[in-house]
Amino acid sequence: MVATIGCAGGRTPAMRDMADSVGQKSAVQGTNDSLLVDSLGKSFSDDAASVDFSCDFPVSGPRVLVDSLRTFLSKEMAGCVVVSPDDQTVAPKTYNHLADGKGMIAYYADATFKSLKSLGKGDEEVKRHPYSISLSVNKVYDTADYVTYTSVFSLYEGGAHGMASLRGVTFDKKSGSQIGYPLDSTALKALQPILREGVKSYFIDVAKNDGESVSDTDIKDFMDGLFIENGIIPLPAAAPYLSPDGVVFVYGQYEIGAYAIGMPTFTVPYGKIEKYLTPEARRLTGLK
């Protein structure tokens, strides 16, 4: 069994036996600050556990951006290692050769695989339901002013179902730094109509993708079932990220609803949300 992502039940990437994969380089077009990446992958599996890592590793581009992205990838991979005080598993040392993408992904995938196998020792269910971890960190948007990566993680360590997470991180191309939370957090009340519309749109899209019709009663029942206090939808814990089409919101599993609703995700066009953006986000998206 593996973790699922979203209400529609999308599967995590398939686990491959000791497989390596290297994709073609890709570049942003139309700018002088092209970011070239290699698509890398590393997997380990046996009858007790499986690990599948993949990433878009920067090989050339603005130096401060490349360095920042490599450090980000290293931290994302290191965070997958299962640290357990019960079996004395400890976090791995940071991989020091940040320019070596293949070495980095192999090092962290191996450490994660060993930690996952250690976690499953003594569990009689492991052979029937092997533990698994997958991580995919990919460049999804590359503009003249910013680059956005998404990090998709899933974990299964026994039980009825696994867990998954999805977050996006936007980087300023000029400085190489991750941008902060792109919205004015003090404007939560004013943002309620936008958040409610976004969560509704997620529910409707999932139903349509499943070939189901949605009534006003269905939408009301869905909204009434959210785990929110006083009817106020909070801002997501993971910072929304920037895309060419608008600001992308992602709520984690159980953050505003039951496991069955997945991870509510929606995009708000800049025209609807620009007045709530931070100066940094406005600058990067070209808003005045």
C-alpha atoms as a PDB file:
ATOM      1  CA  MET A   1       0.000   0.000   0.000  1.00  0.00           C
ATOM      2  CA  VAL A   2       1.204   3.488  -0.780  1.00  0.00           C
ATOM      3  CA  ALA A   3       0.064   6.933   0.197  1.00  0.00           C
ATOM      4  CA  THR A   4      -2.445   8.677  -1.995  1.00  0.00           C
ATOM      5  CA  ILE A   5      -2.538  12.332  -2.878  1.00  0.00           C
ATOM      6  CA  GLY A   6      -5.826  14.176  -3.198  1.00  0.00           C
ATOM      7  CA  CYS A   7      -9.433  13.108  -3.047  1.00  0.00           C
ATOM      8  CA  ALA A   8      -9.230  11.557  -6.490  1.00  0.00           C
ATOM      9  CA  GLY A   9      -6.707   9.032  -5.201  1.00  0.00           C
ATOM     10  CA  GLY A  10      -3.721   9.790  -7.426  1.00  0.00           C
ATOM     11  CA  ARG A  11      -0.914   7.309  -6.734  1.00  0.00           C
ATOM     12  CA  THR A  12       2.590   8.187  -5.758  1.00  0.00           C
ATOM     13  CA  PRO A  13       5.338   7.503  -8.323  1.00  0.00           C
ATOM     14  CA  ALA A  14       5.969   3.807  -8.936  1.00  0.00           C
ATOM     15  CA  MET A  15       8.849   2.308  -7.058  1.00  0.00           C
ATOM     16  CA  ARG A  16      11.635   0.988  -9.251  1.00  0.00           C
ATOM     17  CA  ASP A  17      14.218  -1.654  -8.270  1.00  0.00           C
ATOM     18  CA  MET A  18      17.612  -0.016  -7.868  1.00  0.00           C
ATOM     19  CA  ALA A  19      16.849   2.270 -10.832  1.00  0.00           C
ATOM     20  CA  ASP A  20      18.674   5.380 -11.919  1.00  0.00           C
ATOM     21  CA  SER A  21      17.198   7.856 -14.390  1.00  0.00           C
ATOM     22  CA  VAL A  22      18.634  10.954 -16.000  1.00  0.00           C
ATOM     23  CA  GLY A  23      16.420  13.174 -18.133  1.00  0.00           C
ATOM     24  CA  GLN A  24      17.149  15.872 -20.664  1.00  0.00           C
ATOM     25  CA  LYS A  25      18.155  19.387 -19.702  1.00  0.00           C
ATOM     26  CA  SER A  26      15.476  22.045 -19.897  1.00  0.00           C
ATOM     27  CA  ALA A  27      15.760  25.805 -19.944  1.00  0.00           C
ATOM     28  CA  VAL A  28      13.535  28.810 -19.488  1.00  0.00           C
ATOM     29  CA  GLN A  29      13.089  30.542 -22.809  1.00  0.00           C
ATOM     30  CA  GLY A  30      13.151  34.222 -23.584  1.00  0.00           C
ATOM     31  CA  THR A  31      15.434  35.440 -20.769  1.00  0.00           C
ATOM     32  CA  ASN A  32      19.143  36.001 -20.269  1.00  0.00           C
ATOM     33  CA  ASP A  33      19.077  34.077 -16.994  1.00  0.00           C
ATOM     34  CA  SER A  34      18.340  30.588 -18.249  1.00  0.00           C
ATOM     35  CA  LEU A  35      18.214  27.883 -15.596  1.00  0.00           C
ATOM     36  CA  LEU A  36      19.311  24.497 -16.905  1.00  0.00           C
ATOM     37  CA  VAL A  37      18.304  21.391 -14.961  1.00  0.00           C
ATOM     38  CA  ASP A  38      18.866  17.645 -15.130  1.00  0.00           C
ATOM     39  CA  SER A  39      16.022  15.304 -14.169  1.00  0.00           C
ATOM     40  CA  LEU A  40      17.558  12.814 -11.756  1.00  0.00           C
ATOM     41  CA  GLY A  41      16.148   9.781  -9.984  1.00  0.00           C
ATOM     42  CA  LYS A  42      17.238   7.099  -7.531  1.00  0.00           C
ATOM     43  CA  SER A  43      15.278   4.173  -6.106  1.00  0.00           C
ATOM     44  CA  PHE A  44      15.861   1.261  -3.734  1.00  0.00           C
ATOM     45  CA  SER A  45      13.451  -1.542  -2.899  1.00  0.00           C
ATOM     46  CA  ASP A  46      13.188  -5.009  -1.407  1.00  0.00           C
ATOM     47  CA  ASP A  47      10.430  -7.049   0.208  1.00  0.00           C
ATOM     48  CA  ALA A  48      10.359  -4.811   3.289  1.00  0.00           C
ATOM     49  CA  ALA A  49      10.723  -1.260   2.020  1.00  0.00           C
ATOM     50  CA  SER A  50      10.971   0.964  -1.027  1.00  0.00           C
ATOM     51  CA  VAL A  51      12.275   4.470  -1.628  1.00  0.00           C
ATOM     52  CA  ASP A  52      11.845   6.548  -4.775  1.00  0.00           C
ATOM     53  CA  PHE A  53      13.508   9.965  -5.167  1.00  0.00           C
ATOM     54  CA  SER A  54      13.417  12.281  -8.169  1.00  0.00           C
ATOM     55  CA  CYS A  55      14.346  15.906  -8.692  1.00  0.00           C
ATOM     56  CA  ASP A  56      15.176  18.613 -11.196  1.00  0.00           C
ATOM     57  CA  PHE A  57      18.774  19.387 -10.331  1.00  0.00           C
ATOM     58  CA  PRO A  58      20.173  22.779 -11.452  1.00  0.00           C
ATOM     59  CA  VAL A  59      23.345  22.459 -13.521  1.00  0.00           C
ATOM     60  CA  SER A  60      23.777  26.051 -14.729  1.00  0.00           C
ATOM     61  CA  GLY A  61      22.205  29.460 -14.435  1.00  0.00           C
ATOM     62  CA  PRO A  62      22.548  32.494 -12.153  1.00  0.00           C
ATOM     63  CA  ARG A  63      25.098  31.405  -9.544  1.00  0.00           C
ATOM     64  CA  VAL A  64      23.199  32.605  -6.455  1.00  0.00           C
ATOM     65  CA  LEU A  65      20.066  30.854  -7.695  1.00  0.00           C
ATOM     66  CA  VAL A  66      21.823  27.591  -8.534  1.00  0.00           C
ATOM     67  CA  ASP A  67      23.525  27.505  -5.126  1.00  0.00           C
ATOM     68  CA  SER A  68      20.254  28.237  -3.321  1.00  0.00           C
ATOM     69  CA  LEU A  69      18.350  25.558  -5.224  1.00  0.00           C
ATOM     70  CA  ARG A  70      21.010  22.924  -4.580  1.00  0.00           C
ATOM     71  CA  THR A  71      20.930  23.686  -0.864  1.00  0.00           C
ATOM     72  CA  PHE A  72      17.123  23.493  -0.934  1.00  0.00           C
ATOM     73  CA  LEU A  73      17.192  20.092  -2.653  1.00  0.00           C
ATOM     74  CA  SER A  74      19.716  18.773  -0.141  1.00  0.00           C
ATOM     75  CA  LYS A  75      17.494  19.806   2.768  1.00  0.00           C
ATOM     76  CA  GLU A  76      14.362  18.322   1.182  1.00  0.00           C
ATOM     77  CA  MET A  77      16.065  14.968   0.693  1.00  0.00           C
ATOM     78  CA  ALA A  78      17.691  14.956   4.130  1.00  0.00           C
ATOM     79  CA  GLY A  79      14.269  15.539   5.673  1.00  0.00           C
ATOM     80  CA  CYS A  80      13.027  12.195   4.357  1.00  0.00           C
ATOM     81  CA  VAL A  81      15.298  10.127   6.579  1.00  0.00           C
ATOM     82  CA  VAL A  82      13.210   8.520   9.318  1.00  0.00           C
ATOM     83  CA  VAL A  83      14.860   9.425  12.610  1.00  0.00           C
ATOM     84  CA  SER A  84      13.830   7.057  15.402  1.00  0.00           C
ATOM     85  CA  PRO A  85      15.247   7.246  18.930  1.00  0.00           C
ATOM     86  CA  ASP A  86      13.955   3.712  19.554  1.00  0.00           C
ATOM     87  CA  ASP A  87      16.414   2.136  17.120  1.00  0.00           C
ATOM     88  CA  GLN A  88      19.025   4.885  17.465  1.00  0.00           C
ATOM     89  CA  THR A  89      18.595   6.080  13.878  1.00  0.00           C
ATOM     90  CA  VAL A  90      20.112   9.531  13.487  1.00  0.00           C
ATOM     91  CA  ALA A  91      19.874  12.186  10.808  1.00  0.00           C
ATOM     92  CA  PRO A  92      22.540  11.835   8.112  1.00  0.00           C
ATOM     93  CA  LYS A  93      25.347  14.312   7.763  1.00  0.00           C
ATOM     94  CA  THR A  94      24.782  16.958   5.113  1.00  0.00           C
ATOM     95  CA  TYR A  95      26.054  15.903   1.702  1.00  0.00           C
ATOM     96  CA  ASN A  96      28.966  18.275   1.129  1.00  0.00           C
ATOM     97  CA  HIS A  97      29.362  18.037  -2.650  1.00  0.00           C
ATOM     98  CA  LEU A  98      26.386  20.207  -3.597  1.00  0.00           C
ATOM     99  CA  ALA A  99      27.391  20.362  -7.274  1.00  0.00           C
ATOM    100  CA  ASP A 100      27.169  16.555  -7.567  1.00  0.00           C
ATOM    101  CA  GLY A 101      23.474  15.927  -8.200  1.00  0.00           C
ATOM    102  CA  LYS A 102      23.765  12.181  -8.822  1.00  0.00           C
ATOM    103  CA  GLY A 103      25.856  11.723  -5.702  1.00  0.00           C
ATOM    104  CA  MET A 104      23.464  13.800  -3.622  1.00  0.00           C
ATOM    105  CA  ILE A 105      20.298  11.947  -4.597  1.00  0.00           C
ATOM    106  CA  ALA A 106      21.995   8.540  -4.222  1.00  0.00           C
ATOM    107  CA  TYR A 107      23.360   9.459  -0.774  1.00  0.00           C
ATOM    108  CA  TYR A 108      20.025  10.615   0.653  1.00  0.00           C
ATOM    109  CA  ALA A 109      17.961   7.868  -1.020  1.00  0.00           C
ATOM    110  CA  ASP A 110      20.281   5.239   0.464  1.00  0.00           C
ATOM    111  CA  ALA A 111      20.132   6.823   3.935  1.00  0.00           C
ATOM    112  CA  THR A 112      16.332   7.018   3.730  1.00  0.00           C
ATOM    113  CA  PHE A 113      16.057   3.390   2.571  1.00  0.00           C
ATOM    114  CA  LYS A 114      18.221   2.140   5.448  1.00  0.00           C
ATOM    115  CA  SER A 115      16.269   4.182   7.991  1.00  0.00           C
ATOM    116  CA  LEU A 116      12.949   2.904   6.646  1.00  0.00           C
ATOM    117  CA  LYS A 117      14.092  -0.723   6.845  1.00  0.00           C
ATOM    118  CA  SER A 118      15.276  -0.131  10.401  1.00  0.00           C
ATOM    119  CA  LEU A 119      11.897   1.339  11.305  1.00  0.00           C
ATOM    120  CA  GLY A 120      10.120  -1.792  10.065  1.00  0.00           C
ATOM    121  CA  LYS A 121      12.171  -4.292  12.040  1.00  0.00           C
ATOM    122  CA  GLY A 122       9.940  -6.576  14.067  1.00  0.00           C
ATOM    123  CA  ASP A 123       6.753  -5.556  12.260  1.00  0.00           C
ATOM    124  CA  GLU A 124       5.150  -8.760  10.986  1.00  0.00           C
ATOM    125  CA  GLU A 125       2.982  -6.814   8.522  1.00  0.00           C
ATOM    126  CA  VAL A 126       5.928  -5.378   6.616  1.00  0.00           C
ATOM    127  CA  LYS A 127       6.265  -8.243   4.139  1.00  0.00           C
ATOM    128  CA  ARG A 128       2.589  -7.991   3.233  1.00  0.00           C
ATOM    129  CA  HIS A 129       2.544  -4.195   3.255  1.00  0.00           C
ATOM    130  CA  PRO A 130       6.093  -2.874   2.747  1.00  0.00           C
ATOM    131  CA  TYR A 131       6.951   0.554   4.066  1.00  0.00           C
ATOM    132  CA  SER A 132       7.560   3.195   1.416  1.00  0.00           C
ATOM    133  CA  ILE A 133       8.726   6.772   0.943  1.00  0.00           C
ATOM    134  CA  SER A 134       8.678   8.810  -2.230  1.00  0.00           C
ATOM    135  CA  LEU A 135       9.898  12.335  -2.888  1.00  0.00           C
ATOM    136  CA  SER A 136       9.651  14.334  -6.091  1.00  0.00           C
ATOM    137  CA  VAL A 137      11.042  17.880  -6.202  1.00  0.00           C
ATOM    138  CA  ASN A 138      10.524  19.554  -9.549  1.00  0.00           C
ATOM    139  CA  LYS A 139      10.779  22.895 -11.281  1.00  0.00           C
ATOM    140  CA  VAL A 140       7.236  23.814 -12.297  1.00  0.00           C
ATOM    141  CA  TYR A 141       7.507  27.508 -13.220  1.00  0.00           C
ATOM    142  CA  ASP A 142      10.473  29.456 -14.548  1.00  0.00           C
ATOM    143  CA  THR A 143       9.922  33.122 -15.385  1.00  0.00           C
ATOM    144  CA  ALA A 144      12.202  36.097 -15.921  1.00  0.00           C
ATOM    145  CA  ASP A 145      11.981  37.050 -12.223  1.00  0.00           C
ATOM    146  CA  TYR A 146      11.280  33.882 -10.237  1.00  0.00           C
ATOM    147  CA  VAL A 147      11.462  30.095 -10.233  1.00  0.00           C
ATOM    148  CA  THR A 148       8.977  27.860  -8.429  1.00  0.00           C
ATOM    149  CA  TYR A 149       9.635  24.280  -7.327  1.00  0.00           C
ATOM    150  CA  THR A 150       7.109  21.856  -5.870  1.00  0.00           C
ATOM    151  CA  SER A 151       7.996  19.141  -3.370  1.00  0.00           C
ATOM    152  CA  VAL A 152       5.690  16.103  -3.250  1.00  0.00           C
ATOM    153  CA  PHE A 153       6.292  13.623  -0.435  1.00  0.00           C
ATOM    154  CA  SER A 154       4.507  10.422   0.568  1.00  0.00           C
ATOM    155  CA  LEU A 155       5.059   7.959   3.398  1.00  0.00           C
ATOM    156  CA  TYR A 156       3.541   4.604   4.262  1.00  0.00           C
ATOM    157  CA  GLU A 157       4.614   2.935   7.526  1.00  0.00           C
ATOM    158  CA  GLY A 158       1.696   0.624   8.242  1.00  0.00           C
ATOM    159  CA  GLY A 159      -1.940   1.225   9.050  1.00  0.00           C
ATOM    160  CA  ALA A 160      -4.999   1.947   6.965  1.00  0.00           C
ATOM    161  CA  HIS A 161      -3.353   4.478   4.675  1.00  0.00           C
ATOM    162  CA  GLY A 162      -0.229   6.519   4.117  1.00  0.00           C
ATOM    163  CA  MET A 163       0.377  10.226   4.425  1.00  0.00           C
ATOM    164  CA  ALA A 164       1.348  12.758   1.803  1.00  0.00           C
ATOM    165  CA  SER A 165       2.318  16.383   1.501  1.00  0.00           C
ATOM    166  CA  LEU A 166       2.673  18.926  -1.265  1.00  0.00           C
ATOM    167  CA  ARG A 167       4.255  22.344  -1.016  1.00  0.00           C
ATOM    168  CA  GLY A 168       5.628  24.896  -3.409  1.00  0.00           C
ATOM    169  CA  VAL A 169       8.614  27.164  -2.910  1.00  0.00           C
ATOM    170  CA  THR A 170       9.280  30.281  -4.986  1.00  0.00           C
ATOM    171  CA  PHE A 171      12.783  31.694  -5.434  1.00  0.00           C
ATOM    172  CA  ASP A 172      13.772  35.214  -6.425  1.00  0.00           C
ATOM    173  CA  LYS A 173      16.007  34.767  -9.462  1.00  0.00           C
ATOM    174  CA  LYS A 174      18.067  37.873  -8.756  1.00  0.00           C
ATOM    175  CA  SER A 175      18.905  37.159  -5.114  1.00  0.00           C
ATOM    176  CA  GLY A 176      18.459  33.380  -5.142  1.00  0.00           C
ATOM    177  CA  SER A 177      16.482  33.584  -1.890  1.00  0.00           C
ATOM    178  CA  GLN A 178      13.203  31.861  -1.102  1.00  0.00           C
ATOM    179  CA  ILE A 179      10.444  34.409  -0.889  1.00  0.00           C
ATOM    180  CA  GLY A 180       8.517  34.792   2.346  1.00  0.00           C
ATOM    181  CA  TYR A 181       4.804  34.236   2.854  1.00  0.00           C
ATOM    182  CA  PRO A 182       3.411  36.143  -0.164  1.00  0.00           C
ATOM    183  CA  LEU A 183       0.207  37.376   1.503  1.00  0.00           C
ATOM    184  CA  ASP A 184      -0.665  39.879   4.208  1.00  0.00           C
ATOM    185  CA  SER A 185      -1.561  37.526   7.064  1.00  0.00           C
ATOM    186  CA  THR A 186      -3.455  40.306   8.860  1.00  0.00           C
ATOM    187  CA  ALA A 187      -6.015  40.372   6.035  1.00  0.00           C
ATOM    188  CA  LEU A 188      -7.511  36.962   6.880  1.00  0.00           C
ATOM    189  CA  LYS A 189     -11.052  38.291   7.310  1.00  0.00           C
ATOM    190  CA  ALA A 190     -10.940  40.193   4.032  1.00  0.00           C
ATOM    191  CA  LEU A 191      -9.589  37.105   2.273  1.00  0.00           C
ATOM    192  CA  GLN A 192     -12.496  34.872   3.343  1.00  0.00           C
ATOM    193  CA  PRO A 193     -14.558  35.256   0.128  1.00  0.00           C
ATOM    194  CA  ILE A 194     -11.483  34.359  -1.940  1.00  0.00           C
ATOM    195  CA  LEU A 195     -10.602  31.355   0.236  1.00  0.00           C
ATOM    196  CA  ARG A 196     -14.166  30.046   0.284  1.00  0.00           C
ATOM    197  CA  GLU A 197     -14.457  30.353  -3.469  1.00  0.00           C
ATOM    198  CA  GLY A 198     -11.128  28.567  -3.887  1.00  0.00           C
ATOM    199  CA  VAL A 199     -12.006  25.639  -1.614  1.00  0.00           C
ATOM    200  CA  LYS A 200     -15.368  25.272  -3.363  1.00  0.00           C
ATOM    201  CA  SER A 201     -13.663  25.237  -6.746  1.00  0.00           C
ATOM    202  CA  TYR A 202     -11.357  22.451  -5.557  1.00  0.00           C
ATOM    203  CA  PHE A 203     -14.314  20.313  -4.483  1.00  0.00           C
ATOM    204  CA  ILE A 204     -16.129  20.925  -7.774  1.00  0.00           C
ATOM    205  CA  ASP A 205     -13.026  20.145  -9.861  1.00  0.00           C
ATOM    206  CA  VAL A 206     -12.373  16.872  -8.019  1.00  0.00           C
ATOM    207  CA  ALA A 207     -15.986  15.770  -8.487  1.00  0.00           C
ATOM    208  CA  LYS A 208     -15.920  16.638 -12.184  1.00  0.00           C
ATOM    209  CA  ASN A 209     -12.660  14.763 -12.678  1.00  0.00           C
ATOM    210  CA  ASP A 210     -14.367  11.735 -11.135  1.00  0.00           C
ATOM    211  CA  GLY A 211     -17.270  12.129 -13.561  1.00  0.00           C
ATOM    212  CA  GLU A 212     -19.706  13.152 -10.838  1.00  0.00           C
ATOM    213  CA  SER A 213     -22.260  15.957 -10.899  1.00  0.00           C
ATOM    214  CA  VAL A 214     -22.286  18.483  -8.057  1.00  0.00           C
ATOM    215  CA  SER A 215     -25.388  20.088  -6.584  1.00  0.00           C
ATOM    216  CA  ASP A 216     -25.666  23.145  -4.358  1.00  0.00           C
ATOM    217  CA  THR A 217     -26.507  20.771  -1.501  1.00  0.00           C
ATOM    218  CA  ASP A 218     -23.310  18.785  -2.155  1.00  0.00           C
ATOM    219  CA  ILE A 219     -21.248  21.967  -2.012  1.00  0.00           C
ATOM    220  CA  LYS A 220     -22.952  23.106   1.199  1.00  0.00           C
ATOM    221  CA  ASP A 221     -22.391  19.720   2.855  1.00  0.00           C
ATOM    222  CA  PHE A 222     -18.724  19.801   1.828  1.00  0.00           C
ATOM    223  CA  MET A 223     -18.173  23.294   3.202  1.00  0.00           C
ATOM    224  CA  ASP A 224     -20.089  22.514   6.411  1.00  0.00           C
ATOM    225  CA  GLY A 225     -17.839  19.487   6.967  1.00  0.00           C
ATOM    226  CA  LEU A 226     -14.616  21.481   7.019  1.00  0.00           C
ATOM    227  CA  PHE A 227     -12.548  21.501  10.203  1.00  0.00           C
ATOM    228  CA  ILE A 228     -12.700  25.252  10.775  1.00  0.00           C
ATOM    229  CA  GLU A 229     -13.678  27.438  13.708  1.00  0.00           C
ATOM    230  CA  ASN A 230     -16.368  30.103  13.535  1.00  0.00           C
ATOM    231  CA  GLY A 231     -16.651  29.663   9.791  1.00  0.00           C
ATOM    232  CA  ILE A 232     -13.185  31.146   9.207  1.00  0.00           C
ATOM    233  CA  ILE A 233     -10.924  29.344   6.731  1.00  0.00           C
ATOM    234  CA  PRO A 234      -7.312  29.850   7.843  1.00  0.00           C
ATOM    235  CA  LEU A 235      -4.457  30.628   5.523  1.00  0.00           C
ATOM    236  CA  PRO A 236      -2.529  27.437   4.691  1.00  0.00           C
ATOM    237  CA  ALA A 237       0.413  26.549   6.900  1.00  0.00           C
ATOM    238  CA  ALA A 238       2.592  26.027   3.826  1.00  0.00           C
ATOM    239  CA  ALA A 239       3.205  29.314   2.057  1.00  0.00           C
ATOM    240  CA  PRO A 240       1.207  29.739  -1.158  1.00  0.00           C
ATOM    241  CA  TYR A 241       3.471  29.887  -4.197  1.00  0.00           C
ATOM    242  CA  LEU A 242       3.640  31.970  -7.346  1.00  0.00           C
ATOM    243  CA  SER A 243       2.668  30.792 -10.813  1.00  0.00           C
ATOM    244  CA  PRO A 244       2.082  32.636 -14.099  1.00  0.00           C
ATOM    245  CA  ASP A 245      -1.677  32.192 -13.596  1.00  0.00           C
ATOM    246  CA  GLY A 246      -1.879  33.410 -10.005  1.00  0.00           C
ATOM    247  CA  VAL A 247      -1.160  32.456  -6.413  1.00  0.00           C
ATOM    248  CA  VAL A 248      -1.438  28.711  -5.715  1.00  0.00           C
ATOM    249  CA  PHE A 249      -2.875  27.628  -2.349  1.00  0.00           C
ATOM    250  CA  VAL A 250      -2.333  24.119  -0.940  1.00  0.00           C
ATOM    251  CA  TYR A 251      -3.870  22.873   2.320  1.00  0.00           C
ATOM    252  CA  GLY A 252      -2.304  19.783   3.847  1.00  0.00           C
ATOM    253  CA  GLN A 253      -4.068  16.573   4.787  1.00  0.00           C
ATOM    254  CA  TYR A 254      -6.317  17.135   7.818  1.00  0.00           C
ATOM    255  CA  GLU A 255      -5.498  20.857   7.797  1.00  0.00           C
ATOM    256  CA  ILE A 256      -9.066  21.992   7.063  1.00  0.00           C
ATOM    257  CA  GLY A 257     -10.916  18.703   6.577  1.00  0.00           C
ATOM    258  CA  ALA A 258     -10.967  14.932   6.810  1.00  0.00           C
ATOM    259  CA  TYR A 259      -8.394  12.696   5.119  1.00  0.00           C
ATOM    260  CA  ALA A 260     -10.932  11.823   2.427  1.00  0.00           C
ATOM    261  CA  ILE A 261     -10.948  15.350   0.962  1.00  0.00           C
ATOM    262  CA  GLY A 262      -7.255  15.164   0.134  1.00  0.00           C
ATOM    263  CA  MET A 263      -5.230  18.345  -0.067  1.00  0.00           C
ATOM    264  CA  PRO A 264      -7.417  21.249  -1.215  1.00  0.00           C
ATOM    265  CA  THR A 265      -5.486  23.073  -3.930  1.00  0.00           C
ATOM    266  CA  PHE A 266      -6.524  26.032  -6.045  1.00  0.00           C
ATOM    267  CA  THR A 267      -5.129  29.011  -7.937  1.00  0.00           C
ATOM    268  CA  VAL A 268      -6.326  32.573  -7.370  1.00  0.00           C
ATOM    269  CA  PRO A 269      -5.731  34.944 -10.325  1.00  0.00           C
ATOM    270  CA  TYR A 270      -3.603  37.971  -9.508  1.00  0.00           C
ATOM    271  CA  GLY A 271      -6.436  40.304 -10.443  1.00  0.00           C
ATOM    272  CA  LYS A 272      -8.452  39.003  -7.497  1.00  0.00           C
ATOM    273  CA  ILE A 273      -5.711  38.927  -4.888  1.00  0.00           C
ATOM    274  CA  GLU A 274      -3.085  41.508  -5.842  1.00  0.00           C
ATOM    275  CA  LYS A 275      -4.025  44.006  -3.129  1.00  0.00           C
ATOM    276  CA  TYR A 276      -3.260  41.372  -0.473  1.00  0.00           C
ATOM    277  CA  LEU A 277       0.176  40.472  -1.838  1.00  0.00           C
ATOM    278  CA  THR A 278       3.370  41.501  -0.097  1.00  0.00           C
ATOM    279  CA  PRO A 279       5.621  44.049  -1.847  1.00  0.00           C
ATOM    280  CA  GLU A 280       8.054  41.227  -2.630  1.00  0.00           C
ATOM    281  CA  ALA A 281       5.391  39.108  -4.334  1.00  0.00           C
ATOM    282  CA  ARG A 282       4.061  42.128  -6.247  1.00  0.00           C
ATOM    283  CA  ARG A 283       7.531  42.966  -7.526  1.00  0.00           C
ATOM    284  CA  LEU A 284       8.241  39.422  -8.714  1.00  0.00           C
ATOM    285  CA  THR A 285       4.903  39.146 -10.521  1.00  0.00           C
ATOM    286  CA  GLY A 286       5.222  42.542 -12.190  1.00  0.00           C
ATOM    287  CA  LEU A 287       2.329  44.161 -10.328  1.00  0.00           C
ATOM    288  CA  LYS A 288       2.554  47.842  -9.517  1.00  0.00           C
END
